[in-house]
Amino acid sequence: MEKSVNSNKILFFGITKDITGLSELYLNLEGKSIATFKEELTLKFPKLKLLSSLNIALNHEYVPLDLIISLGDEIALIPPVSGG
């Protein structure tokens, strides 16, 4: 979906970008919870379920799964981070 005034911007980083083949996506998620969004996204991209963890940030802040998304909110998928 292309960017529009009636959409939310979803950003993909790291392995989530590799799995989806996208760096960003625009969807209307107004009124949905973060949990519902996450469920719908894993239906569209089943390999996301294979990640050991997947954090969701809304407008640059980690949020609880029951938070409701508003129109214009920016959502980022933060995959597990490995380091040494």
C-alpha atoms as a PDB file:
ATOM      1  CA  MET A   1       0.000   0.000   0.000  1.00  0.00           C
ATOM      2  CA  GLU A   2       1.234   3.452  -0.842  1.00  0.00           C
ATOM      3  CA  LYS A   3       1.599   6.282   1.659  1.00  0.00           C
ATOM      4  CA  SER A   4      -1.602   8.226   2.285  1.00  0.00           C
ATOM      5  CA  VAL A   5      -3.013  10.535   4.913  1.00  0.00           C
ATOM      6  CA  ASN A   6      -5.191   7.642   6.111  1.00  0.00           C
ATOM      7  CA  SER A   7      -2.367   5.283   6.950  1.00  0.00           C
ATOM      8  CA  ASN A   8       0.233   4.304   9.478  1.00  0.00           C
ATOM      9  CA  LYS A   9       3.885   3.932   8.554  1.00  0.00           C
ATOM     10  CA  ILE A  10       5.434   0.602   9.525  1.00  0.00           C
ATOM     11  CA  LEU A  11       9.232   0.368   9.571  1.00  0.00           C
ATOM     12  CA  PHE A  12      11.154  -2.899   9.323  1.00  0.00           C
ATOM     13  CA  PHE A  13      14.703  -3.328  10.650  1.00  0.00           C
ATOM     14  CA  GLY A  14      17.296  -6.119  10.569  1.00  0.00           C
ATOM     15  CA  ILE A  15      15.919  -9.599  10.051  1.00  0.00           C
ATOM     16  CA  THR A  16      12.329  -8.304   9.831  1.00  0.00           C
ATOM     17  CA  LYS A  17      13.373  -6.380   6.730  1.00  0.00           C
ATOM     18  CA  ASP A  18      14.920  -9.555   5.291  1.00  0.00           C
ATOM     19  CA  ILE A  19      11.826 -11.654   6.066  1.00  0.00           C
ATOM     20  CA  THR A  20       9.311  -9.203   4.612  1.00  0.00           C
ATOM     21  CA  GLY A  21      11.447  -7.849   1.792  1.00  0.00           C
ATOM     22  CA  LEU A  22      10.298  -4.376   2.863  1.00  0.00           C
ATOM     23  CA  SER A  23      11.879  -1.441   4.627  1.00  0.00           C
ATOM     24  CA  GLU A  24       8.510   0.237   5.141  1.00  0.00           C
ATOM     25  CA  LEU A  25       4.827  -0.395   4.597  1.00  0.00           C
ATOM     26  CA  TYR A  26       1.744   1.799   4.877  1.00  0.00           C
ATOM     27  CA  LEU A  27      -1.491   0.387   6.322  1.00  0.00           C
ATOM     28  CA  ASN A  28      -4.499   1.854   8.077  1.00  0.00           C
ATOM     29  CA  LEU A  29      -4.277   0.428  11.599  1.00  0.00           C
ATOM     30  CA  GLU A  30      -6.436   3.002  13.385  1.00  0.00           C
ATOM     31  CA  GLY A  31      -8.272   1.472  16.351  1.00  0.00           C
ATOM     32  CA  LYS A  32      -6.313  -1.805  16.354  1.00  0.00           C
ATOM     33  CA  SER A  33      -4.201  -2.906  19.285  1.00  0.00           C
ATOM     34  CA  ILE A  34      -0.502  -3.600  18.942  1.00  0.00           C
ATOM     35  CA  ALA A  35      -1.287  -7.289  19.643  1.00  0.00           C
ATOM     36  CA  THR A  36      -3.829  -7.428  16.795  1.00  0.00           C
ATOM     37  CA  PHE A  37      -1.390  -5.696  14.451  1.00  0.00           C
ATOM     38  CA  LYS A  38       1.329  -8.199  15.395  1.00  0.00           C
ATOM     39  CA  GLU A  39      -1.027 -11.158  14.807  1.00  0.00           C
ATOM     40  CA  GLU A  40      -2.129  -9.850  11.408  1.00  0.00           C
ATOM     41  CA  LEU A  41       1.454  -9.182  10.383  1.00  0.00           C
ATOM     42  CA  THR A  42       2.559 -12.721  11.266  1.00  0.00           C
ATOM     43  CA  LEU A  43      -0.319 -14.081   9.170  1.00  0.00           C
ATOM     44  CA  LYS A  44       0.963 -12.058   6.223  1.00  0.00           C
ATOM     45  CA  PHE A  45       4.624 -12.914   6.934  1.00  0.00           C
ATOM     46  CA  PRO A  46       4.620 -16.297   8.780  1.00  0.00           C
ATOM     47  CA  LYS A  47       8.426 -16.416   9.131  1.00  0.00           C
ATOM     48  CA  LEU A  48       8.178 -13.574  11.666  1.00  0.00           C
ATOM     49  CA  LYS A  49       6.879 -16.227  14.104  1.00  0.00           C
ATOM     50  CA  LEU A  50      10.319 -17.861  14.015  1.00  0.00           C
ATOM     51  CA  LEU A  51      11.973 -14.884  15.742  1.00  0.00           C
ATOM     52  CA  SER A  52      12.869 -15.450  19.393  1.00  0.00           C
ATOM     53  CA  SER A  53      11.443 -12.023  20.192  1.00  0.00           C
ATOM     54  CA  LEU A  54       9.965  -9.107  18.321  1.00  0.00           C
ATOM     55  CA  ASN A  55       9.588  -5.757  20.011  1.00  0.00           C
ATOM     56  CA  ILE A  56       7.226  -3.116  18.712  1.00  0.00           C
ATOM     57  CA  ALA A  57       7.870   0.604  19.047  1.00  0.00           C
ATOM     58  CA  LEU A  58       5.149   3.177  18.498  1.00  0.00           C
ATOM     59  CA  ASN A  59       6.339   6.696  17.764  1.00  0.00           C
ATOM     60  CA  HIS A  60       9.879   5.795  18.923  1.00  0.00           C
ATOM     61  CA  GLU A  61       8.817   4.222  22.250  1.00  0.00           C
ATOM     62  CA  TYR A  62       8.303   0.610  23.261  1.00  0.00           C
ATOM     63  CA  VAL A  63       4.643   0.070  24.086  1.00  0.00           C
ATOM     64  CA  PRO A  64       2.438  -2.616  25.679  1.00  0.00           C
ATOM     65  CA  LEU A  65       0.551  -4.999  23.399  1.00  0.00           C
ATOM     66  CA  ASP A  66      -2.844  -3.678  24.489  1.00  0.00           C
ATOM     67  CA  LEU A  67      -2.132  -0.113  23.342  1.00  0.00           C
ATOM     68  CA  ILE A  68      -4.501   1.115  20.621  1.00  0.00           C
ATOM     69  CA  ILE A  69      -2.990   2.543  17.445  1.00  0.00           C
ATOM     70  CA  SER A  70      -4.079   5.982  16.254  1.00  0.00           C
ATOM     71  CA  LEU A  71      -4.077   7.228  12.698  1.00  0.00           C
ATOM     72  CA  GLY A  72      -0.660   8.624  11.794  1.00  0.00           C
ATOM     73  CA  ASP A  73       1.250   6.646  14.429  1.00  0.00           C
ATOM     74  CA  GLU A  74       4.584   5.267  13.236  1.00  0.00           C
ATOM     75  CA  ILE A  75       5.288   1.654  14.101  1.00  0.00           C
ATOM     76  CA  ALA A  76       8.712   0.014  14.078  1.00  0.00           C
ATOM     77  CA  LEU A  77       9.478  -3.695  14.300  1.00  0.00           C
ATOM     78  CA  ILE A  78      12.579  -4.218  16.397  1.00  0.00           C
ATOM     79  CA  PRO A  79      14.048  -7.703  15.953  1.00  0.00           C
ATOM     80  CA  PRO A  80      16.254  -9.536  18.454  1.00  0.00           C
ATOM     81  CA  VAL A  81      19.704  -7.984  18.655  1.00  0.00           C
ATOM     82  CA  SER A  82      22.840 -10.059  18.879  1.00  0.00           C
ATOM     83  CA  GLY A  83      26.147  -8.726  20.027  1.00  0.00           C
ATOM     84  CA  GLY A  84      29.447  -9.655  21.425  1.00  0.00           C
END
